[in-house]
Amino acid sequence: MSRVVVIGGGFGGLASAARLAKLGHEVTLLEQGSTLGGAVGFVERDGFRWDTGPTSTLLPAVVRDLFRKSGRPLERELELVAQPVIREHRFEDETSVQLPGGSRAAQLAAFEALEPGLGTAWCDFVQSYADDWEVVRKEFLERPWLPGVADKAVTARLFTRESIAKRLKKTFKDERLRLVAGHPFVLGGHDLRDVPAWLGVMSYVEQNFGSWTVPGGMGRLSEVLTARMATRGVGVELGTRATDVVVREGRAVAVATDRGELEADVVVCAVDPRGLPALAPHVTRTLPAMPPVVAHLGLEGDVPDLPPEVVLHGDPMLVLRTGGDAPEGCHAWTLMGRGLLAEDIVTSLARHDIDVRAHVKVRVDRSAKTQVQQWGSSPMGVLWQGRDTLRQRLGPRTPVPGVYAAGAHANPGSGLPFVGLSASLVAQEIGPA
């Protein structure tokens, strides 16, 4: 039985620990905070509760596979519900489109209603990524991609010189379609000129698999996984900060913490590796993608009836999520901002004819700096700086023997489904005890 130490109690760390414990390893999970879950959790205040991070997920099969491979099936623990509308996009010209998920026909109709011809243009764009999706899924997401070993055709596809910005400009004359396709990356803090074109597969995934949520909030996912740590016999040490990986004779043998050393045969880094001196030299070219400004709003009285997510394009770009838990007669919204926020974010929202300033009963503001301090690193992962970002991120293997990387800062990248896949890749590489 191998002694495995997982550094970081976010979703990537929880998923890695659960999988490895089921494979028979003796697993200890280290978390510097007082709770597990990281950005997949809750903020609670005066009877209101908001998700701290994602409010939905793509690729529900990733979560289902995690639960099946670590114990009881998902259906016995949580309910995953498909969202008919992924998000509504409102543009500066006062037009809008509601983007359905999981249906080509529904997306075709939605964009045709925006303007005749746009539906066909959009669906042709999405379909153009079918081959990319099959390659990326099989060769990058579902099994470890190893530079120098991977198929040359796969490597050429992943390392295309074409950016998503260039692809969108070439494909769409209508700026609104470019805004919809580029939105996930803009919200993630990336410049579209630095994001490889193949990542347009996100639109393909949304159309073909839809967006899914957990009734009661995505934070429940972390609650259930936290309970699974006990079921699988994972030792959890909260309030314990890992300071480095101890390397002797060229291999990891322990994890140094603020409470002393913890011996390990295998180490899984599920935090930003720039914070660990043994790994930091290998990620000197990476930068974190910073979180947006966030305001959690507890509202009382009558407010507009809106979809689960509304994107208000412009500068700043605002994203409103409406699905939090609230006392009777109240509402819990989360408002995020990217770009030039020269005024209070709720005032900025009012300029889009969603004025709830008189209805605010509770407000919790979280700056980008506050979020990074809370979690010890950015939950948005590594900033895209062109195609070489794939080589600059670690994972599932690292240059340090015995150390593996999972989480938002590792391959295949940030976002709940991809973080979940990173844990699967790490488990494949380590294998059974």
Protein backbone atom coordinates (compact mmCIF):
# COMPACT_ATOMS: atom_id res chain seq x y z
CA MET A 1 0.00 0.00 0.00
CA SER A 2 1.45 3.34 -1.07
CA ARG A 3 1.28 6.39 1.16
CA VAL A 4 -0.23 9.21 -0.89
CA VAL A 5 -0.38 12.81 0.28
CA VAL A 6 -2.75 15.09 -1.63
CA ILE A 7 -2.02 18.79 -1.24
CA GLY A 8 -5.17 20.90 -1.50
CA GLY A 9 -8.76 20.22 -0.46
CA GLY A 10 -10.54 21.81 -3.41
CA PHE A 11 -12.55 19.79 -5.92
CA GLY A 12 -9.38 18.51 -7.64
CA GLY A 13 -7.88 17.36 -4.35
CA LEU A 14 -11.11 15.75 -3.16
CA ALA A 15 -11.59 13.93 -6.46
CA SER A 16 -7.97 12.72 -6.48
CA ALA A 17 -8.12 11.54 -2.88
CA ALA A 18 -11.41 9.69 -3.39
CA ARG A 19 -10.19 7.88 -6.51
CA LEU A 20 -6.81 6.92 -5.06
CA ALA A 21 -8.30 5.68 -1.79
CA LYS A 22 -10.68 3.44 -3.76
CA LEU A 23 -7.63 2.08 -5.62
CA GLY A 24 -6.26 0.91 -2.27
CA HIS A 25 -3.78 3.64 -1.40
CA GLU A 26 -3.37 5.10 2.08
CA VAL A 27 -4.34 8.71 1.44
CA THR A 28 -3.88 11.85 3.52
CA LEU A 29 -5.44 15.11 2.34
CA LEU A 30 -3.93 18.42 3.44
CA GLU A 31 -5.98 21.63 3.39
CA GLN A 32 -4.79 24.98 4.72
CA GLY A 33 -8.34 26.23 5.31
CA SER A 34 -10.96 25.17 7.82
CA THR A 35 -13.25 23.42 5.30
CA LEU A 36 -12.93 21.32 2.17
CA GLY A 37 -14.25 22.13 -1.29
CA GLY A 38 -12.29 25.24 -2.24
CA ALA A 39 -14.16 27.32 -4.81
CA VAL A 40 -16.93 24.70 -5.00
CA GLY A 41 -18.66 25.76 -1.81
CA PHE A 42 -21.08 28.21 -0.24
CA VAL A 43 -21.17 31.72 1.16
CA GLU A 44 -23.88 32.08 3.81
CA ARG A 45 -25.21 35.22 5.49
CA ASP A 46 -28.48 35.94 7.35
CA GLY A 47 -30.41 33.06 5.81
CA PHE A 48 -29.08 33.58 2.29
CA ARG A 49 -26.75 31.11 0.60
CA TRP A 50 -24.79 31.52 -2.62
CA ASP A 51 -22.39 29.26 -4.50
CA THR A 52 -18.86 30.61 -4.10
CA GLY A 53 -17.82 29.38 -7.54
CA PRO A 54 -19.54 27.47 -10.34
CA THR A 55 -23.32 27.21 -10.29
CA SER A 56 -23.43 24.54 -13.01
CA THR A 57 -21.17 22.10 -14.83
CA LEU A 58 -20.64 20.73 -18.31
CA LEU A 59 -19.91 17.06 -19.04
CA PRO A 60 -21.97 15.48 -16.24
CA ALA A 61 -20.39 12.12 -17.08
CA VAL A 62 -17.21 13.35 -15.36
CA VAL A 63 -19.00 13.72 -12.02
CA ARG A 64 -20.88 10.45 -12.50
CA ASP A 65 -17.62 8.62 -13.25
CA LEU A 66 -15.96 10.10 -10.16
CA PHE A 67 -18.73 8.84 -7.89
CA ARG A 68 -18.88 5.43 -9.55
CA LYS A 69 -15.09 4.97 -9.33
CA SER A 70 -14.89 6.06 -5.69
CA GLY A 71 -17.92 4.39 -4.11
CA ARG A 72 -21.66 4.87 -4.37
CA PRO A 73 -23.16 6.09 -7.69
CA LEU A 74 -24.00 9.77 -7.98
CA GLU A 75 -27.75 9.11 -8.17
CA ARG A 76 -27.69 7.75 -4.61
CA GLU A 77 -26.05 10.92 -3.31
CA LEU A 78 -27.03 13.91 -5.46
CA GLU A 79 -29.37 14.92 -8.24
CA LEU A 80 -27.94 16.47 -11.41
CA VAL A 81 -30.52 18.46 -13.37
CA ALA A 82 -30.18 19.71 -16.94
CA GLN A 83 -30.73 23.44 -17.44
CA PRO A 84 -33.03 24.23 -20.40
CA VAL A 85 -31.27 27.60 -20.81
CA ILE A 86 -27.53 27.79 -20.18
CA ARG A 87 -27.46 31.58 -20.18
CA GLU A 88 -29.03 34.65 -21.74
CA HIS A 89 -26.78 37.03 -23.66
CA ARG A 90 -27.81 40.68 -23.78
CA PHE A 91 -25.93 42.86 -26.24
CA GLU A 92 -25.22 46.59 -26.33
CA ASP A 93 -27.60 47.06 -29.28
CA GLU A 94 -30.41 45.94 -26.91
CA THR A 95 -30.93 42.59 -28.67
CA SER A 96 -30.63 39.33 -26.75
CA VAL A 97 -30.58 35.57 -27.16
CA GLN A 98 -31.24 32.77 -24.72
CA LEU A 99 -28.76 29.95 -25.33
CA PRO A 100 -30.35 26.51 -24.83
CA GLY A 101 -28.20 23.52 -23.98
CA GLY A 102 -28.11 19.96 -25.25
CA SER A 103 -29.98 20.61 -28.50
CA ARG A 104 -28.85 21.69 -31.95
CA ALA A 105 -32.43 22.37 -33.00
CA ALA A 106 -33.10 24.60 -30.00
CA GLN A 107 -29.92 26.62 -30.58
CA LEU A 108 -30.73 26.93 -34.28
CA ALA A 109 -34.17 28.34 -33.45
CA ALA A 110 -32.80 30.71 -30.80
CA PHE A 111 -30.24 32.30 -33.12
CA GLU A 112 -32.65 32.40 -36.05
CA ALA A 113 -35.01 34.38 -33.80
CA LEU A 114 -32.16 36.80 -33.11
CA GLU A 115 -31.71 37.33 -36.85
CA PRO A 116 -32.47 35.09 -39.86
CA GLY A 117 -29.34 33.25 -41.00
CA LEU A 118 -27.54 33.43 -37.66
CA GLY A 119 -28.86 30.05 -36.57
CA THR A 120 -27.31 28.26 -39.52
CA ALA A 121 -24.06 30.18 -39.10
CA TRP A 122 -23.90 29.28 -35.41
CA CYS A 123 -24.68 25.59 -35.88
CA ASP A 124 -22.17 25.28 -38.73
CA PHE A 125 -19.54 26.77 -36.43
CA VAL A 126 -20.37 24.33 -33.63
CA GLN A 127 -20.37 21.34 -35.99
CA SER A 128 -16.93 22.33 -37.30
CA TYR A 129 -15.55 21.26 -33.92
CA ALA A 130 -16.85 17.68 -34.06
CA ASP A 131 -13.48 16.22 -35.11
CA ASP A 132 -11.59 18.42 -32.65
CA TRP A 133 -13.82 17.16 -29.86
CA GLU A 134 -13.20 13.50 -30.68
CA VAL A 135 -9.44 14.01 -30.76
CA VAL A 136 -9.28 16.18 -27.63
CA ARG A 137 -11.60 13.86 -25.71
CA LYS A 138 -9.69 10.67 -26.52
CA GLU A 139 -6.13 11.95 -26.55
CA PHE A 140 -6.08 14.78 -24.00
CA LEU A 141 -9.04 14.56 -21.63
CA GLU A 142 -9.54 10.83 -21.12
CA ARG A 143 -5.92 9.68 -21.08
CA PRO A 144 -2.65 11.41 -20.22
CA TRP A 145 -1.10 13.44 -23.01
CA LEU A 146 2.68 12.98 -22.97
CA PRO A 147 4.85 15.36 -25.02
CA GLY A 148 7.22 13.44 -27.28
CA VAL A 149 5.06 10.31 -27.08
CA ALA A 150 1.73 11.64 -28.32
CA ASP A 151 0.64 11.14 -31.92
CA LYS A 152 2.05 13.89 -34.16
CA ALA A 153 -1.35 14.66 -35.67
CA VAL A 154 -2.82 15.12 -32.19
CA THR A 155 0.04 17.36 -31.13
CA ALA A 156 -0.34 19.46 -34.29
CA ARG A 157 -4.04 19.94 -33.56
CA LEU A 158 -3.45 20.95 -29.93
CA PHE A 159 -0.60 23.29 -30.81
CA THR A 160 -2.25 25.13 -33.67
CA ARG A 161 -1.02 28.68 -34.18
CA GLU A 162 -4.58 29.85 -34.77
CA SER A 163 -6.24 31.63 -31.84
CA ILE A 164 -9.94 31.52 -31.01
CA ALA A 165 -10.04 35.27 -31.70
CA LYS A 166 -8.79 34.70 -35.25
CA ARG A 167 -11.17 31.78 -35.81
CA LEU A 168 -14.18 33.77 -34.63
CA LYS A 169 -13.29 36.81 -36.72
CA LYS A 170 -12.88 34.62 -39.78
CA THR A 171 -16.09 32.67 -39.14
CA PHE A 172 -18.62 35.29 -38.00
CA LYS A 173 -19.47 38.64 -39.52
CA ASP A 174 -21.94 39.29 -36.70
CA GLU A 175 -20.15 40.42 -33.53
CA ARG A 176 -22.88 38.99 -31.34
CA LEU A 177 -21.99 35.44 -32.35
CA ARG A 178 -18.35 36.17 -31.58
CA LEU A 179 -19.33 37.41 -28.13
CA VAL A 180 -21.37 34.26 -27.38
CA ALA A 181 -18.62 31.88 -28.51
CA GLY A 182 -15.85 33.76 -26.72
CA HIS A 183 -17.72 34.36 -23.49
CA PRO A 184 -16.46 31.37 -21.42
CA PHE A 185 -12.87 32.48 -21.94
CA VAL A 186 -13.51 36.17 -21.31
CA LEU A 187 -15.29 35.32 -18.06
CA GLY A 188 -12.32 33.13 -17.17
CA GLY A 189 -10.01 36.14 -17.43
CA HIS A 190 -8.34 35.27 -20.75
CA ASP A 191 -7.54 37.35 -23.83
CA LEU A 192 -9.10 35.60 -26.83
CA ARG A 193 -5.94 36.31 -28.84
CA ASP A 194 -4.04 33.98 -26.49
CA VAL A 195 -6.56 31.10 -26.44
CA PRO A 196 -5.96 28.30 -29.00
CA ALA A 197 -8.71 27.90 -31.61
CA TRP A 198 -9.45 24.27 -30.70
CA LEU A 199 -10.96 25.43 -27.42
CA GLY A 200 -14.02 26.38 -29.41
CA VAL A 201 -15.01 22.81 -28.54
CA MET A 202 -16.65 24.42 -25.49
CA SER A 203 -19.52 25.52 -27.75
CA TYR A 204 -19.73 21.97 -29.11
CA VAL A 205 -19.89 20.55 -25.58
CA GLU A 206 -22.62 23.00 -24.55
CA GLN A 207 -24.74 22.20 -27.59
CA ASN A 208 -24.33 18.42 -27.42
CA PHE A 209 -24.23 17.72 -23.68
CA GLY A 210 -25.87 20.75 -22.08
CA SER A 211 -25.30 22.40 -18.73
CA TRP A 212 -26.23 20.74 -15.45
CA THR A 213 -26.77 21.92 -11.91
CA VAL A 214 -27.40 20.49 -8.45
CA PRO A 215 -30.61 21.54 -6.69
CA GLY A 216 -29.58 23.44 -3.59
CA GLY A 217 -26.30 24.60 -5.11
CA MET A 218 -23.12 23.11 -6.57
CA GLY A 219 -21.54 23.46 -3.14
CA ARG A 220 -23.44 20.31 -2.19
CA LEU A 221 -21.01 18.42 -4.41
CA SER A 222 -18.19 19.31 -2.04
CA GLU A 223 -20.31 18.39 0.98
CA VAL A 224 -20.93 14.91 -0.38
CA LEU A 225 -17.29 14.43 -1.37
CA THR A 226 -16.21 15.60 2.09
CA ALA A 227 -18.35 12.86 3.60
CA ARG A 228 -16.81 10.39 1.17
CA MET A 229 -13.37 11.10 2.61
CA ALA A 230 -14.50 9.39 5.82
CA THR A 231 -16.14 6.54 3.91
CA ARG A 232 -12.95 5.84 1.97
CA GLY A 233 -10.71 6.20 5.05
CA VAL A 234 -8.89 9.30 3.84
CA GLY A 235 -7.05 11.13 6.59
CA VAL A 236 -7.96 14.82 6.43
CA GLU A 237 -5.79 17.47 8.06
CA LEU A 238 -7.47 20.87 8.01
CA GLY A 239 -5.62 24.06 8.90
CA THR A 240 -2.41 22.50 7.59
CA ARG A 241 -0.39 24.40 5.01
CA ALA A 242 1.96 22.48 2.76
CA THR A 243 5.17 24.48 2.36
CA ASP A 244 7.10 22.20 -0.01
CA VAL A 245 7.64 18.74 -1.39
CA VAL A 246 10.66 17.07 0.20
CA VAL A 247 12.90 15.51 -2.44
CA ARG A 248 15.73 13.13 -1.59
CA GLU A 249 17.87 11.20 -4.06
CA GLY A 250 15.86 12.64 -6.90
CA ARG A 251 12.43 11.55 -5.70
CA ALA A 252 9.64 12.92 -3.52
CA VAL A 253 9.68 11.31 -0.07
CA ALA A 254 7.57 13.65 2.06
CA VAL A 255 5.57 16.85 2.24
CA ALA A 256 6.81 19.66 4.46
CA THR A 257 4.02 21.46 6.31
CA ASP A 258 3.76 24.17 8.92
CA ARG A 259 3.26 21.30 11.39
CA GLY A 260 6.22 19.20 10.31
CA GLU A 261 6.99 16.64 7.62
CA LEU A 262 4.56 13.97 6.43
CA GLU A 263 6.15 10.95 4.75
CA ALA A 264 4.84 10.02 1.31
CA ASP A 265 5.54 7.56 -1.47
CA VAL A 266 3.45 9.64 -3.86
CA VAL A 267 2.44 13.32 -3.75
CA VAL A 268 -0.46 14.88 -5.63
CA CYS A 269 -0.28 18.66 -5.97
CA ALA A 270 -3.84 19.99 -6.29
CA VAL A 271 -2.89 23.62 -5.62
CA ASP A 272 -0.98 26.25 -7.59
CA PRO A 273 2.47 24.62 -7.94
CA ARG A 274 4.12 28.05 -7.95
CA GLY A 275 3.68 28.01 -4.16
CA LEU A 276 5.86 24.92 -3.66
CA PRO A 277 9.63 25.53 -4.11
CA ALA A 278 10.26 22.03 -5.49
CA LEU A 279 7.78 22.61 -8.33
CA ALA A 280 8.01 26.38 -8.79
CA PRO A 281 11.08 26.29 -11.12
CA HIS A 282 9.07 24.17 -13.56
CA VAL A 283 6.20 26.69 -13.89
CA THR A 284 8.07 29.99 -14.02
CA ARG A 285 6.38 30.95 -17.28
CA THR A 286 2.83 30.53 -15.99
CA LEU A 287 0.59 33.27 -14.67
CA PRO A 288 -2.71 32.87 -12.85
CA ALA A 289 -5.98 33.88 -14.49
CA MET A 290 -7.52 36.22 -11.95
CA PRO A 291 -11.11 35.88 -10.69
CA PRO A 292 -13.77 38.47 -11.51
CA VAL A 293 -15.10 40.94 -8.97
CA VAL A 294 -18.04 39.31 -7.14
CA ALA A 295 -20.98 40.68 -5.18
CA HIS A 296 -23.43 38.27 -3.53
CA LEU A 297 -26.79 39.98 -3.14
CA GLY A 298 -29.61 39.04 -0.79
CA LEU A 299 -32.71 40.72 -2.20
CA GLU A 300 -36.21 41.18 -0.77
CA GLY A 301 -39.43 42.01 -2.55
CA ASP A 302 -40.29 41.79 -6.22
CA VAL A 303 -37.34 41.55 -8.57
CA PRO A 304 -37.17 40.67 -12.29
CA ASP A 305 -37.71 37.02 -13.22
CA LEU A 306 -34.48 36.08 -15.00
CA PRO A 307 -32.79 32.92 -16.32
CA PRO A 308 -30.17 31.18 -14.14
CA GLU A 309 -27.43 33.25 -15.83
CA VAL A 310 -27.55 36.54 -17.71
CA VAL A 311 -24.51 37.98 -19.52
CA LEU A 312 -24.59 41.74 -20.04
CA HIS A 313 -22.02 42.49 -22.74
CA GLY A 314 -20.06 45.72 -22.77
CA ASP A 315 -17.25 47.23 -20.74
CA PRO A 316 -17.57 46.24 -18.02
CA MET A 317 -19.10 42.89 -18.83
CA LEU A 318 -21.47 41.79 -16.08
CA VAL A 319 -22.63 38.25 -15.35
CA LEU A 320 -25.67 37.74 -13.14
CA ARG A 321 -26.53 34.37 -11.58
CA THR A 322 -29.90 34.09 -9.92
CA GLY A 323 -30.11 30.61 -8.40
CA GLY A 324 -29.02 31.01 -4.77
CA ASP A 325 -31.06 29.95 -1.74
CA ALA A 326 -33.02 32.64 0.12
CA PRO A 327 -35.71 32.99 2.80
CA GLU A 328 -39.32 33.08 1.66
CA GLY A 329 -40.10 36.21 -0.35
CA CYS A 330 -36.40 36.86 -1.00
CA HIS A 331 -33.85 36.08 -3.69
CA ALA A 332 -30.13 35.28 -3.72
CA TRP A 333 -28.21 36.61 -6.72
CA THR A 334 -24.51 36.63 -7.55
CA LEU A 335 -23.16 39.46 -9.69
CA MET A 336 -19.72 39.29 -11.33
CA GLY A 337 -17.81 41.93 -13.24
CA ARG A 338 -14.98 41.96 -15.78
CA GLY A 339 -13.40 45.02 -17.33
CA LEU A 340 -13.67 48.73 -16.53
CA LEU A 341 -15.59 48.86 -13.24
CA ALA A 342 -15.50 52.59 -12.60
CA GLU A 343 -18.50 52.54 -10.27
CA ASP A 344 -20.26 50.26 -7.81
CA ILE A 345 -21.11 47.00 -9.57
CA VAL A 346 -24.79 47.12 -8.52
CA THR A 347 -25.06 50.63 -9.95
CA SER A 348 -23.49 49.32 -13.14
CA LEU A 349 -26.17 46.60 -13.21
CA ALA A 350 -28.86 49.27 -12.91
CA ARG A 351 -27.58 50.88 -16.11
CA HIS A 352 -28.71 47.69 -17.86
CA ASP A 353 -32.28 48.26 -16.61
CA ILE A 354 -31.92 45.71 -13.82
CA ASP A 355 -32.15 48.05 -10.87
CA VAL A 356 -32.37 46.19 -7.56
CA ARG A 357 -30.59 48.74 -5.38
CA ALA A 358 -33.70 49.35 -3.28
CA HIS A 359 -34.13 45.60 -2.72
CA VAL A 360 -30.70 44.79 -1.32
CA LYS A 361 -31.04 43.37 2.19
CA VAL A 362 -27.70 41.58 2.44
CA ARG A 363 -24.53 42.08 0.44
CA VAL A 364 -21.21 40.22 0.47
CA ASP A 365 -18.45 41.66 -1.71
CA ARG A 366 -15.46 39.58 -2.76
CA SER A 367 -12.66 41.21 -4.72
CA ALA A 368 -10.24 39.21 -6.84
CA LYS A 369 -7.60 39.72 -4.13
CA THR A 370 -9.98 38.48 -1.42
CA GLN A 371 -10.73 35.32 -3.36
CA VAL A 372 -7.07 34.53 -4.00
CA GLN A 373 -6.25 35.09 -0.33
CA GLN A 374 -9.14 32.88 0.76
CA TRP A 375 -8.10 29.91 -1.36
CA GLY A 376 -4.35 30.49 -1.48
CA SER A 377 -4.36 30.81 -5.28
CA SER A 378 -6.66 31.74 -8.14
CA PRO A 379 -9.51 29.25 -8.70
CA MET A 380 -9.43 30.25 -12.39
CA GLY A 381 -6.20 28.32 -12.96
CA VAL A 382 -3.46 29.21 -15.43
CA LEU A 383 -3.80 32.16 -17.79
CA TRP A 384 -3.76 31.22 -21.48
CA GLN A 385 -0.67 32.79 -23.05
CA GLY A 386 -0.79 31.02 -26.37
CA ARG A 387 -0.39 27.41 -27.42
CA ASP A 388 2.70 26.76 -25.28
CA THR A 389 0.57 27.10 -22.15
CA LEU A 390 -0.15 23.37 -22.54
CA ARG A 391 3.53 22.61 -22.01
CA GLN A 392 3.94 25.17 -19.24
CA ARG A 393 1.18 23.67 -17.09
CA LEU A 394 1.98 20.49 -15.20
CA GLY A 395 -0.08 17.35 -15.04
CA PRO A 396 -0.79 14.64 -14.69
CA ARG A 397 2.95 13.97 -14.34
CA THR A 398 5.51 16.52 -13.18
CA PRO A 399 9.29 16.72 -13.68
CA VAL A 400 9.73 15.63 -10.05
CA PRO A 401 9.51 11.82 -9.76
CA GLY A 402 6.71 10.76 -7.45
CA VAL A 403 4.81 14.04 -7.80
CA TYR A 404 1.62 14.42 -9.87
CA ALA A 405 -0.54 17.46 -10.53
CA ALA A 406 -4.32 17.88 -10.53
CA GLY A 407 -6.71 20.79 -10.18
CA ALA A 408 -7.32 24.07 -11.99
CA HIS A 409 -3.60 24.82 -12.43
CA ALA A 410 -2.86 21.45 -14.07
CA ASN A 411 -3.74 19.92 -17.41
CA PRO A 412 -6.33 19.65 -18.85
CA GLY A 413 -7.27 23.01 -17.30
CA SER A 414 -9.72 24.93 -15.14
CA GLY A 415 -13.47 24.53 -14.84
CA LEU A 416 -15.23 21.88 -12.80
CA PRO A 417 -15.39 19.13 -15.47
CA PHE A 418 -11.76 19.58 -16.48
CA VAL A 419 -10.57 19.64 -12.88
CA GLY A 420 -12.50 16.40 -12.38
CA LEU A 421 -10.78 14.93 -15.42
CA SER A 422 -7.38 15.95 -14.04
CA ALA A 423 -8.04 13.75 -11.01
CA SER A 424 -8.97 10.86 -13.28
CA LEU A 425 -5.74 11.27 -15.24
CA VAL A 426 -3.69 11.31 -12.02
CA ALA A 427 -5.40 8.13 -10.83
CA GLN A 428 -4.62 6.46 -14.17
CA GLU A 429 -0.95 7.39 -13.89
CA ILE A 430 -0.55 6.26 -10.28
CA GLY A 431 -2.65 3.12 -10.68
CA PRO A 432 -3.76 0.62 -8.04
CA ALA A 433 -1.83 0.14 -4.80
